[in-house]
Amino acid sequence: MTIQLIIDGGADVPKEMMDKYGVLSVALNLHFDDEQLKTDNLDLPTFYDKLKRSSSLPRSSAPSPYDFYEVYKKVDPEKPILVLAISGGVSSTYDSAVMGADMLLEEEPDRKIKVINTKTASCGIALLIHEATTRMEEGYEWNQLVTHMENRAEKVTTLFVLKTLENLIKGGRLDRVKGAIAKTMNIKLILRASLEEGKIEVSEKVRGNKKAIRRFIEQVGEYASNLEDQVIAMSHVNSAERGRTILNDIKEKYKFKDSLFVEMGPLIATYTGESAIVIAFFRD
């Protein structure tokens, strides 16, 4: 590829896509009590085991600007760099990526580097990687690609459906009493990344898992109508069979051209919990 693509630990991109296009990643940090682990060094079985044995959720922290700078320095100076960072509405990772780029440009002012706040996470960034590599293969040059991807990042819709509230309660993002009542009433949450800032917000509260999935699928059509030429991306938390069933139902209803399917990494799974499903697509 003529342009180097870089993501971070808040992205969930299929390994075959990472390898095919030489995409680089900068890890985030997860803190289990006194133990700090990098997202790229934490395999999923170990992560799930640690999560189940812990009474509280691990804390996450962004990479430092120097972490990004070190990765940037590995790239051929003649190769432009495009960074697709996890939403600035949920992490300071984007800010670190920008500061790391400034460090690089202080030393090498002729370098071409652009950091985009994707306003999404997980498979939403996989969708943007797919978009970027498709346009690069079509011959988009640097300035054209940057402009296109800035516009595309503004059009990503990211929806989450949670099967359990346990992680939200553990993480202090849902009051324990309210959480206990919600669990008793079998309340399921449908979340979204806000269109303006990419912050995670509750879209709907639905009673019962089947109703939640039905509304989750219905919401796709409320954001976009012309989907036959589009790709949809999905990530799941340790729930491949369930995820593929939902994805097939979505594709049957909306006739997406193609799909991306990936298991969610430790960072986002920390907050969504077991069996969560995330989808991303471009809205009208």
C-alpha atoms as a PDB file:
ATOM      1  CA  MET A   1       0.000   0.000   0.000  1.00  0.00           C
ATOM      2  CA  THR A   2       1.204   3.497  -0.840  1.00  0.00           C
ATOM      3  CA  ILE A   3      -0.265   4.924   2.389  1.00  0.00           C
ATOM      4  CA  GLN A   4       0.344   3.504   5.869  1.00  0.00           C
ATOM      5  CA  LEU A   5      -2.821   2.897   7.882  1.00  0.00           C
ATOM      6  CA  ILE A   6      -2.606   2.898  11.680  1.00  0.00           C
ATOM      7  CA  ILE A   7      -5.295   2.042  14.249  1.00  0.00           C
ATOM      8  CA  ASP A   8      -5.297   1.571  18.034  1.00  0.00           C
ATOM      9  CA  GLY A   9      -6.452  -0.953  20.619  1.00  0.00           C
ATOM     10  CA  GLY A  10     -10.001   0.396  20.502  1.00  0.00           C
ATOM     11  CA  ALA A  11     -10.432  -1.014  16.994  1.00  0.00           C
ATOM     12  CA  ASP A  12     -11.511  -4.544  16.147  1.00  0.00           C
ATOM     13  CA  VAL A  13     -10.270  -5.325  12.651  1.00  0.00           C
ATOM     14  CA  PRO A  14     -10.119  -8.864  11.184  1.00  0.00           C
ATOM     15  CA  LYS A  15      -6.564 -10.244  11.305  1.00  0.00           C
ATOM     16  CA  GLU A  16      -6.610 -11.156   7.628  1.00  0.00           C
ATOM     17  CA  MET A  17      -7.358  -7.533   6.779  1.00  0.00           C
ATOM     18  CA  MET A  18      -4.587  -6.296   9.088  1.00  0.00           C
ATOM     19  CA  ASP A  19      -2.102  -8.654   7.455  1.00  0.00           C
ATOM     20  CA  LYS A  20      -3.202  -8.069   3.876  1.00  0.00           C
ATOM     21  CA  TYR A  21      -2.853  -4.302   4.057  1.00  0.00           C
ATOM     22  CA  GLY A  22      -0.040  -4.073   6.599  1.00  0.00           C
ATOM     23  CA  VAL A  23      -2.133  -2.099   9.081  1.00  0.00           C
ATOM     24  CA  LEU A  24      -0.231  -1.117  12.247  1.00  0.00           C
ATOM     25  CA  SER A  25      -1.795  -0.818  15.712  1.00  0.00           C
ATOM     26  CA  VAL A  26      -0.949   1.078  18.897  1.00  0.00           C
ATOM     27  CA  ALA A  27      -2.092  -0.742  22.045  1.00  0.00           C
ATOM     28  CA  LEU A  28      -4.143   0.710  24.880  1.00  0.00           C
ATOM     29  CA  ASN A  29      -3.661  -0.337  28.501  1.00  0.00           C
ATOM     30  CA  LEU A  30      -5.927  -2.384  30.770  1.00  0.00           C
ATOM     31  CA  HIS A  31      -5.287  -2.299  34.528  1.00  0.00           C
ATOM     32  CA  PHE A  32      -6.395  -5.345  36.536  1.00  0.00           C
ATOM     33  CA  ASP A  33      -5.806  -4.228  40.128  1.00  0.00           C
ATOM     34  CA  ASP A  34      -2.014  -3.696  40.198  1.00  0.00           C
ATOM     35  CA  GLU A  35      -1.370  -5.487  36.896  1.00  0.00           C
ATOM     36  CA  GLN A  36      -1.121  -3.470  33.677  1.00  0.00           C
ATOM     37  CA  LEU A  37      -1.572  -5.290  30.374  1.00  0.00           C
ATOM     38  CA  LYS A  38      -1.387  -4.096  26.770  1.00  0.00           C
ATOM     39  CA  THR A  39      -4.452  -4.835  24.646  1.00  0.00           C
ATOM     40  CA  ASP A  40      -2.292  -6.370  21.914  1.00  0.00           C
ATOM     41  CA  ASN A  41      -0.617  -8.788  24.366  1.00  0.00           C
ATOM     42  CA  LEU A  42      -3.804 -10.013  26.038  1.00  0.00           C
ATOM     43  CA  ASP A  43      -5.375 -13.051  24.376  1.00  0.00           C
ATOM     44  CA  LEU A  44      -9.133 -13.298  24.670  1.00  0.00           C
ATOM     45  CA  PRO A  45      -9.402 -16.540  26.751  1.00  0.00           C
ATOM     46  CA  THR A  46      -7.066 -15.020  29.369  1.00  0.00           C
ATOM     47  CA  PHE A  47      -9.006 -11.767  29.301  1.00  0.00           C
ATOM     48  CA  TYR A  48     -12.377 -13.493  29.817  1.00  0.00           C
ATOM     49  CA  ASP A  49     -10.952 -15.541  32.669  1.00  0.00           C
ATOM     50  CA  LYS A  50      -9.526 -12.459  34.408  1.00  0.00           C
ATOM     51  CA  LEU A  51     -12.791 -10.591  33.925  1.00  0.00           C
ATOM     52  CA  LYS A  52     -14.897 -13.346  35.491  1.00  0.00           C
ATOM     53  CA  ARG A  53     -12.581 -13.640  38.509  1.00  0.00           C
ATOM     54  CA  SER A  54     -12.454  -9.897  39.159  1.00  0.00           C
ATOM     55  CA  SER A  55     -14.960  -8.128  41.437  1.00  0.00           C
ATOM     56  CA  SER A  56     -14.492  -4.890  39.505  1.00  0.00           C
ATOM     57  CA  LEU A  57     -13.822  -4.003  35.901  1.00  0.00           C
ATOM     58  CA  PRO A  58     -10.272  -3.251  34.793  1.00  0.00           C
ATOM     59  CA  ARG A  59      -9.488   0.394  34.151  1.00  0.00           C
ATOM     60  CA  SER A  60      -8.364   1.421  30.705  1.00  0.00           C
ATOM     61  CA  SER A  61      -5.871   4.103  29.766  1.00  0.00           C
ATOM     62  CA  ALA A  62      -4.803   5.613  26.476  1.00  0.00           C
ATOM     63  CA  PRO A  63      -1.402   5.136  24.846  1.00  0.00           C
ATOM     64  CA  SER A  64       1.020   7.974  25.423  1.00  0.00           C
ATOM     65  CA  PRO A  65       1.950  10.378  22.616  1.00  0.00           C
ATOM     66  CA  TYR A  66       5.376   8.714  22.639  1.00  0.00           C
ATOM     67  CA  ASP A  67       3.741   5.305  22.014  1.00  0.00           C
ATOM     68  CA  PHE A  68       2.291   6.696  18.797  1.00  0.00           C
ATOM     69  CA  TYR A  69       5.496   8.529  17.920  1.00  0.00           C
ATOM     70  CA  GLU A  70       7.478   5.277  18.163  1.00  0.00           C
ATOM     71  CA  VAL A  71       5.126   3.553  15.710  1.00  0.00           C
ATOM     72  CA  TYR A  72       5.170   6.527  13.335  1.00  0.00           C
ATOM     73  CA  LYS A  73       8.989   6.459  13.286  1.00  0.00           C
ATOM     74  CA  LYS A  74       8.935   2.873  12.027  1.00  0.00           C
ATOM     75  CA  VAL A  75       7.151   3.934   8.845  1.00  0.00           C
ATOM     76  CA  ASP A  76       9.163   4.719   5.716  1.00  0.00           C
ATOM     77  CA  PRO A  77       9.552   8.539   5.654  1.00  0.00           C
ATOM     78  CA  GLU A  78       8.371   8.559   2.036  1.00  0.00           C
ATOM     79  CA  LYS A  79       5.088   6.895   2.999  1.00  0.00           C
ATOM     80  CA  PRO A  80       2.156   9.082   4.171  1.00  0.00           C
ATOM     81  CA  ILE A  81       0.450   7.977   7.404  1.00  0.00           C
ATOM     82  CA  LEU A  82      -3.294   7.917   8.031  1.00  0.00           C
ATOM     83  CA  VAL A  83      -4.370   7.225  11.620  1.00  0.00           C
ATOM     84  CA  LEU A  84      -7.943   6.121  12.361  1.00  0.00           C
ATOM     85  CA  ALA A  85      -8.285   6.665  16.114  1.00  0.00           C
ATOM     86  CA  ILE A  86     -10.997   5.465  18.481  1.00  0.00           C
ATOM     87  CA  SER A  87     -13.654   8.087  19.167  1.00  0.00           C
ATOM     88  CA  GLY A  88     -12.427  11.108  21.083  1.00  0.00           C
ATOM     89  CA  GLY A  89     -15.780  10.958  22.899  1.00  0.00           C
ATOM     90  CA  VAL A  90     -14.775   7.819  24.806  1.00  0.00           C
ATOM     91  CA  SER A  91     -10.970   7.979  25.029  1.00  0.00           C
ATOM     92  CA  SER A  92      -8.067  10.423  25.034  1.00  0.00           C
ATOM     93  CA  THR A  93      -6.309   8.126  22.535  1.00  0.00           C
ATOM     94  CA  TYR A  94      -7.110  10.500  19.673  1.00  0.00           C
ATOM     95  CA  ASP A  95      -5.382  13.354  21.539  1.00  0.00           C
ATOM     96  CA  SER A  96      -2.305  11.190  22.113  1.00  0.00           C
ATOM     97  CA  ALA A  97      -2.212  10.256  18.429  1.00  0.00           C
ATOM     98  CA  VAL A  98      -2.316  13.943  17.461  1.00  0.00           C
ATOM     99  CA  MET A  99       0.435  14.872  19.928  1.00  0.00           C
ATOM    100  CA  GLY A 100       2.552  11.982  18.673  1.00  0.00           C
ATOM    101  CA  ALA A 101       2.079  13.290  15.122  1.00  0.00           C
ATOM    102  CA  ASP A 102       3.179  16.763  16.254  1.00  0.00           C
ATOM    103  CA  MET A 103       6.331  15.231  17.759  1.00  0.00           C
ATOM    104  CA  LEU A 104       7.087  13.539  14.443  1.00  0.00           C
ATOM    105  CA  LEU A 105       6.512  16.739  12.457  1.00  0.00           C
ATOM    106  CA  GLU A 106       8.809  18.724  14.748  1.00  0.00           C
ATOM    107  CA  GLU A 107      11.647  16.412  13.736  1.00  0.00           C
ATOM    108  CA  GLU A 108      10.559  15.804  10.143  1.00  0.00           C
ATOM    109  CA  PRO A 109       8.335  18.681   8.972  1.00  0.00           C
ATOM    110  CA  ASP A 110       8.013  17.239   5.469  1.00  0.00           C
ATOM    111  CA  ARG A 111       6.288  14.074   6.650  1.00  0.00           C
ATOM    112  CA  LYS A 112       2.662  13.555   5.630  1.00  0.00           C
ATOM    113  CA  ILE A 113       0.511  12.412   8.542  1.00  0.00           C
ATOM    114  CA  LYS A 114      -3.169  12.825   9.381  1.00  0.00           C
ATOM    115  CA  VAL A 115      -5.054  11.665  12.484  1.00  0.00           C
ATOM    116  CA  ILE A 116      -8.831  11.270  12.150  1.00  0.00           C
ATOM    117  CA  ASN A 117     -11.217  11.119  15.095  1.00  0.00           C
ATOM    118  CA  THR A 118     -13.434   8.291  13.835  1.00  0.00           C
ATOM    119  CA  LYS A 119     -16.220   8.911  16.401  1.00  0.00           C
ATOM    120  CA  THR A 120     -16.604   5.134  16.529  1.00  0.00           C
ATOM    121  CA  ALA A 121     -14.838   2.071  17.923  1.00  0.00           C
ATOM    122  CA  SER A 122     -14.578  -1.703  17.539  1.00  0.00           C
ATOM    123  CA  CYS A 123     -15.946  -2.843  14.153  1.00  0.00           C
ATOM    124  CA  GLY A 124     -16.729   0.754  13.204  1.00  0.00           C
ATOM    125  CA  ILE A 125     -13.027   1.245  12.610  1.00  0.00           C
ATOM    126  CA  ALA A 126     -12.898  -2.034  10.640  1.00  0.00           C
ATOM    127  CA  LEU A 127     -15.556  -0.537   8.373  1.00  0.00           C
ATOM    128  CA  LEU A 128     -13.385   2.557   7.871  1.00  0.00           C
ATOM    129  CA  ILE A 129     -10.284   0.445   7.180  1.00  0.00           C
ATOM    130  CA  HIS A 130     -12.269  -1.437   4.544  1.00  0.00           C
ATOM    131  CA  GLU A 131     -13.349   1.876   3.036  1.00  0.00           C
ATOM    132  CA  ALA A 132      -9.807   3.288   3.028  1.00  0.00           C
ATOM    133  CA  THR A 133      -8.211   0.227   1.437  1.00  0.00           C
ATOM    134  CA  THR A 134     -10.962   0.031  -1.199  1.00  0.00           C
ATOM    135  CA  ARG A 135     -10.356   3.636  -2.220  1.00  0.00           C
ATOM    136  CA  MET A 136      -6.589   3.164  -2.192  1.00  0.00           C
ATOM    137  CA  GLU A 137      -6.963   0.209  -4.537  1.00  0.00           C
ATOM    138  CA  GLU A 138      -9.053   2.459  -6.779  1.00  0.00           C
ATOM    139  CA  GLY A 139      -6.115   4.853  -6.963  1.00  0.00           C
ATOM    140  CA  TYR A 140      -7.010   7.558  -4.468  1.00  0.00           C
ATOM    141  CA  GLU A 141      -3.978   9.722  -3.717  1.00  0.00           C
ATOM    142  CA  TRP A 142      -3.093  11.178  -0.317  1.00  0.00           C
ATOM    143  CA  ASN A 143      -5.138  14.392  -0.236  1.00  0.00           C
ATOM    144  CA  GLN A 144      -8.096  12.758  -1.926  1.00  0.00           C
ATOM    145  CA  LEU A 145      -8.089   9.867   0.540  1.00  0.00           C
ATOM    146  CA  VAL A 146      -7.826  12.125   3.607  1.00  0.00           C
ATOM    147  CA  THR A 147     -10.782  14.238   2.497  1.00  0.00           C
ATOM    148  CA  HIS A 148     -12.833  11.158   1.660  1.00  0.00           C
ATOM    149  CA  MET A 149     -12.121   9.446   4.991  1.00  0.00           C
ATOM    150  CA  GLU A 150     -12.902  12.575   7.003  1.00  0.00           C
ATOM    151  CA  ASN A 151     -16.298  12.642   5.300  1.00  0.00           C
ATOM    152  CA  ARG A 152     -16.848   8.907   5.770  1.00  0.00           C
ATOM    153  CA  ALA A 153     -16.006   9.081   9.481  1.00  0.00           C
ATOM    154  CA  GLU A 154     -18.865  11.557   9.890  1.00  0.00           C
ATOM    155  CA  LYS A 155     -21.277   9.045   8.364  1.00  0.00           C
ATOM    156  CA  VAL A 156     -20.528   5.948  10.457  1.00  0.00           C
ATOM    157  CA  THR A 157     -23.446   4.723  12.564  1.00  0.00           C
ATOM    158  CA  THR A 158     -22.427   2.435  15.425  1.00  0.00           C
ATOM    159  CA  LEU A 159     -25.065   0.483  17.370  1.00  0.00           C
ATOM    160  CA  PHE A 160     -24.594  -1.835  20.369  1.00  0.00           C
ATOM    161  CA  VAL A 161     -27.000  -4.317  21.920  1.00  0.00           C
ATOM    162  CA  LEU A 162     -26.125  -5.618  25.401  1.00  0.00           C
ATOM    163  CA  LYS A 163     -27.301  -8.960  26.740  1.00  0.00           C
ATOM    164  CA  THR A 164     -26.073  -8.295  30.278  1.00  0.00           C
ATOM    165  CA  LEU A 165     -25.770  -5.163  32.429  1.00  0.00           C
ATOM    166  CA  GLU A 166     -23.157  -6.756  34.697  1.00  0.00           C
ATOM    167  CA  ASN A 167     -20.174  -4.914  33.256  1.00  0.00           C
ATOM    168  CA  LEU A 168     -21.931  -1.544  33.327  1.00  0.00           C
ATOM    169  CA  ILE A 169     -22.742  -2.113  37.002  1.00  0.00           C
ATOM    170  CA  LYS A 170     -19.219  -3.306  37.832  1.00  0.00           C
ATOM    171  CA  GLY A 171     -17.754  -0.304  36.063  1.00  0.00           C
ATOM    172  CA  GLY A 172     -19.920   2.140  37.992  1.00  0.00           C
ATOM    173  CA  ARG A 173     -21.684   3.321  34.838  1.00  0.00           C
ATOM    174  CA  LEU A 174     -25.035   2.068  36.116  1.00  0.00           C
ATOM    175  CA  ASP A 175     -26.236   2.455  39.706  1.00  0.00           C
ATOM    176  CA  ARG A 176     -26.286  -0.950  41.427  1.00  0.00           C
ATOM    177  CA  VAL A 177     -29.857  -0.557  42.674  1.00  0.00           C
ATOM    178  CA  LYS A 178     -31.139   0.568  39.276  1.00  0.00           C
ATOM    179  CA  GLY A 179     -29.085  -2.177  37.673  1.00  0.00           C
ATOM    180  CA  ALA A 180     -30.581  -4.818  39.940  1.00  0.00           C
ATOM    181  CA  ILE A 181     -34.095  -3.590  39.129  1.00  0.00           C
ATOM    182  CA  ALA A 182     -33.298  -3.556  35.398  1.00  0.00           C
ATOM    183  CA  LYS A 183     -31.970  -7.106  35.568  1.00  0.00           C
ATOM    184  CA  THR A 184     -35.066  -8.269  37.472  1.00  0.00           C
ATOM    185  CA  MET A 185     -37.265  -6.705  34.790  1.00  0.00           C
ATOM    186  CA  ASN A 186     -35.099  -8.281  32.045  1.00  0.00           C
ATOM    187  CA  ILE A 187     -34.226  -4.883  30.561  1.00  0.00           C
ATOM    188  CA  LYS A 188     -31.820  -4.895  27.594  1.00  0.00           C
ATOM    189  CA  LEU A 189     -30.000  -1.783  26.408  1.00  0.00           C
ATOM    190  CA  ILE A 190     -29.497  -0.663  22.832  1.00  0.00           C
ATOM    191  CA  LEU A 191     -26.678   1.868  22.692  1.00  0.00           C
ATOM    192  CA  ARG A 192     -25.207   4.065  19.981  1.00  0.00           C
ATOM    193  CA  ALA A 193     -22.224   6.294  19.396  1.00  0.00           C
ATOM    194  CA  SER A 194     -23.614   9.838  19.317  1.00  0.00           C
ATOM    195  CA  LEU A 195     -23.467  11.462  15.909  1.00  0.00           C
ATOM    196  CA  GLU A 196     -21.897  14.699  17.153  1.00  0.00           C
ATOM    197  CA  GLU A 197     -19.116  13.543  19.489  1.00  0.00           C
ATOM    198  CA  GLY A 198     -19.027   9.761  19.302  1.00  0.00           C
ATOM    199  CA  LYS A 199     -19.962   9.381  22.971  1.00  0.00           C
ATOM    200  CA  ILE A 200     -21.795   6.204  23.984  1.00  0.00           C
ATOM    201  CA  GLU A 201     -25.431   6.862  24.850  1.00  0.00           C
ATOM    202  CA  VAL A 202     -28.551   4.785  25.452  1.00  0.00           C
ATOM    203  CA  SER A 203     -30.742   4.638  22.372  1.00  0.00           C
ATOM    204  CA  GLU A 204     -33.500   2.436  23.759  1.00  0.00           C
ATOM    205  CA  LYS A 205     -34.358   0.250  26.750  1.00  0.00           C
ATOM    206  CA  VAL A 206     -36.228  -2.881  25.717  1.00  0.00           C
ATOM    207  CA  ARG A 207     -37.696  -5.645  27.851  1.00  0.00           C
ATOM    208  CA  GLY A 208     -36.588  -9.092  26.726  1.00  0.00           C
ATOM    209  CA  ASN A 209     -33.764 -10.302  24.548  1.00  0.00           C
ATOM    210  CA  LYS A 210     -35.870 -11.156  21.482  1.00  0.00           C
ATOM    211  CA  LYS A 211     -37.509  -7.714  21.436  1.00  0.00           C
ATOM    212  CA  ALA A 212     -34.122  -6.057  21.866  1.00  0.00           C
ATOM    213  CA  ILE A 213     -32.675  -7.892  18.870  1.00  0.00           C
ATOM    214  CA  ARG A 214     -35.737  -7.089  16.794  1.00  0.00           C
ATOM    215  CA  ARG A 215     -35.433  -3.366  17.583  1.00  0.00           C
ATOM    216  CA  PHE A 216     -31.669  -3.530  17.028  1.00  0.00           C
ATOM    217  CA  ILE A 217     -32.268  -4.812  13.493  1.00  0.00           C
ATOM    218  CA  GLU A 218     -35.115  -2.369  12.843  1.00  0.00           C
ATOM    219  CA  GLN A 219     -32.919   0.589  13.771  1.00  0.00           C
ATOM    220  CA  VAL A 220     -30.624  -0.075  10.807  1.00  0.00           C
ATOM    221  CA  GLY A 221     -33.413   0.951   8.445  1.00  0.00           C
ATOM    222  CA  GLU A 222     -34.067   4.087  10.485  1.00  0.00           C
ATOM    223  CA  TYR A 223     -30.565   5.385   9.722  1.00  0.00           C
ATOM    224  CA  ALA A 224     -30.107   4.294   6.113  1.00  0.00           C
ATOM    225  CA  SER A 225     -32.238   3.218   3.182  1.00  0.00           C
ATOM    226  CA  ASN A 226     -29.866   2.550   0.266  1.00  0.00           C
ATOM    227  CA  LEU A 227     -27.807  -0.352   1.567  1.00  0.00           C
ATOM    228  CA  GLU A 228     -27.427  -2.671  -1.423  1.00  0.00           C
ATOM    229  CA  ASP A 229     -23.993  -1.245  -2.277  1.00  0.00           C
ATOM    230  CA  GLN A 230     -22.850  -1.020   1.328  1.00  0.00           C
ATOM    231  CA  VAL A 231     -20.785  -3.154   3.693  1.00  0.00           C
ATOM    232  CA  ILE A 232     -21.877  -3.804   7.271  1.00  0.00           C
ATOM    233  CA  ALA A 233     -19.379  -4.631  10.022  1.00  0.00           C
ATOM    234  CA  MET A 234     -20.160  -6.639  13.160  1.00  0.00           C
ATOM    235  CA  SER A 235     -18.177  -7.531  16.279  1.00  0.00           C
ATOM    236  CA  HIS A 236     -19.264  -9.823  19.099  1.00  0.00           C
ATOM    237  CA  VAL A 237     -18.139 -10.731  22.608  1.00  0.00           C
ATOM    238  CA  ASN A 238     -17.485 -14.472  22.815  1.00  0.00           C
ATOM    239  CA  SER A 239     -20.712 -15.169  20.932  1.00  0.00           C
ATOM    240  CA  ALA A 240     -19.917 -16.065  17.338  1.00  0.00           C
ATOM    241  CA  GLU A 241     -22.952 -18.252  16.649  1.00  0.00           C
ATOM    242  CA  ARG A 242     -25.387 -15.669  18.015  1.00  0.00           C
ATOM    243  CA  GLY A 243     -23.595 -12.915  16.136  1.00  0.00           C
ATOM    244  CA  ARG A 244     -23.718 -14.722  12.795  1.00  0.00           C
ATOM    245  CA  THR A 245     -27.434 -15.437  13.233  1.00  0.00           C
ATOM    246  CA  ILE A 246     -28.142 -11.741  13.839  1.00  0.00           C
ATOM    247  CA  LEU A 247     -25.861 -10.709  10.975  1.00  0.00           C
ATOM    248  CA  ASN A 248     -27.634 -13.082   8.587  1.00  0.00           C
ATOM    249  CA  ASP A 249     -31.001 -11.653   9.655  1.00  0.00           C
ATOM    250  CA  ILE A 250     -29.734  -8.117   9.017  1.00  0.00           C
ATOM    251  CA  LYS A 251     -28.344  -9.029   5.590  1.00  0.00           C
ATOM    252  CA  GLU A 252     -31.556 -10.816   4.647  1.00  0.00           C
ATOM    253  CA  LYS A 253     -33.641  -7.762   5.580  1.00  0.00           C
ATOM    254  CA  TYR A 254     -31.432  -5.040   4.099  1.00  0.00           C
ATOM    255  CA  LYS A 255     -29.448  -6.804   1.334  1.00  0.00           C
ATOM    256  CA  PHE A 256     -26.014  -5.413   2.237  1.00  0.00           C
ATOM    257  CA  LYS A 257     -23.433  -6.099  -0.472  1.00  0.00           C
ATOM    258  CA  ASP A 258     -20.921  -7.598   1.944  1.00  0.00           C
ATOM    259  CA  SER A 259     -20.049  -7.909   5.624  1.00  0.00           C
ATOM    260  CA  LEU A 260     -17.122  -7.953   8.047  1.00  0.00           C
ATOM    261  CA  PHE A 261     -17.278 -10.188  11.132  1.00  0.00           C
ATOM    262  CA  VAL A 262     -14.807 -10.102  14.024  1.00  0.00           C
ATOM    263  CA  GLU A 263     -14.556 -10.996  17.696  1.00  0.00           C
ATOM    264  CA  MET A 264     -14.414  -7.961  19.939  1.00  0.00           C
ATOM    265  CA  GLY A 265     -11.086  -7.215  21.590  1.00  0.00           C
ATOM    266  CA  PRO A 266     -10.509  -6.739  25.331  1.00  0.00           C
ATOM    267  CA  LEU A 267     -10.931  -2.960  25.450  1.00  0.00           C
ATOM    268  CA  ILE A 268     -14.500  -2.612  24.194  1.00  0.00           C
ATOM    269  CA  ALA A 269     -15.563  -5.996  25.613  1.00  0.00           C
ATOM    270  CA  THR A 270     -14.648  -4.708  29.079  1.00  0.00           C
ATOM    271  CA  TYR A 271     -17.555  -2.296  28.935  1.00  0.00           C
ATOM    272  CA  THR A 272     -20.102  -4.155  26.812  1.00  0.00           C
ATOM    273  CA  GLY A 273     -20.040  -7.521  28.598  1.00  0.00           C
ATOM    274  CA  GLU A 274     -20.606 -11.109  27.500  1.00  0.00           C
ATOM    275  CA  SER A 275     -22.591 -11.692  24.279  1.00  0.00           C
ATOM    276  CA  ALA A 276     -22.701  -8.019  23.301  1.00  0.00           C
ATOM    277  CA  ILE A 277     -23.071  -7.270  19.597  1.00  0.00           C
ATOM    278  CA  VAL A 278     -21.856  -4.149  17.775  1.00  0.00           C
ATOM    279  CA  ILE A 279     -22.675  -3.191  14.195  1.00  0.00           C
ATOM    280  CA  ALA A 280     -21.421  -0.330  12.031  1.00  0.00           C
ATOM    281  CA  PHE A 281     -22.557   0.978   8.666  1.00  0.00           C
ATOM    282  CA  PHE A 282     -22.734   4.280   6.790  1.00  0.00           C
ATOM    283  CA  ARG A 283     -25.960   6.208   7.270  1.00  0.00           C
ATOM    284  CA  ASP A 284     -27.653   8.243   4.544  1.00  0.00           C
END
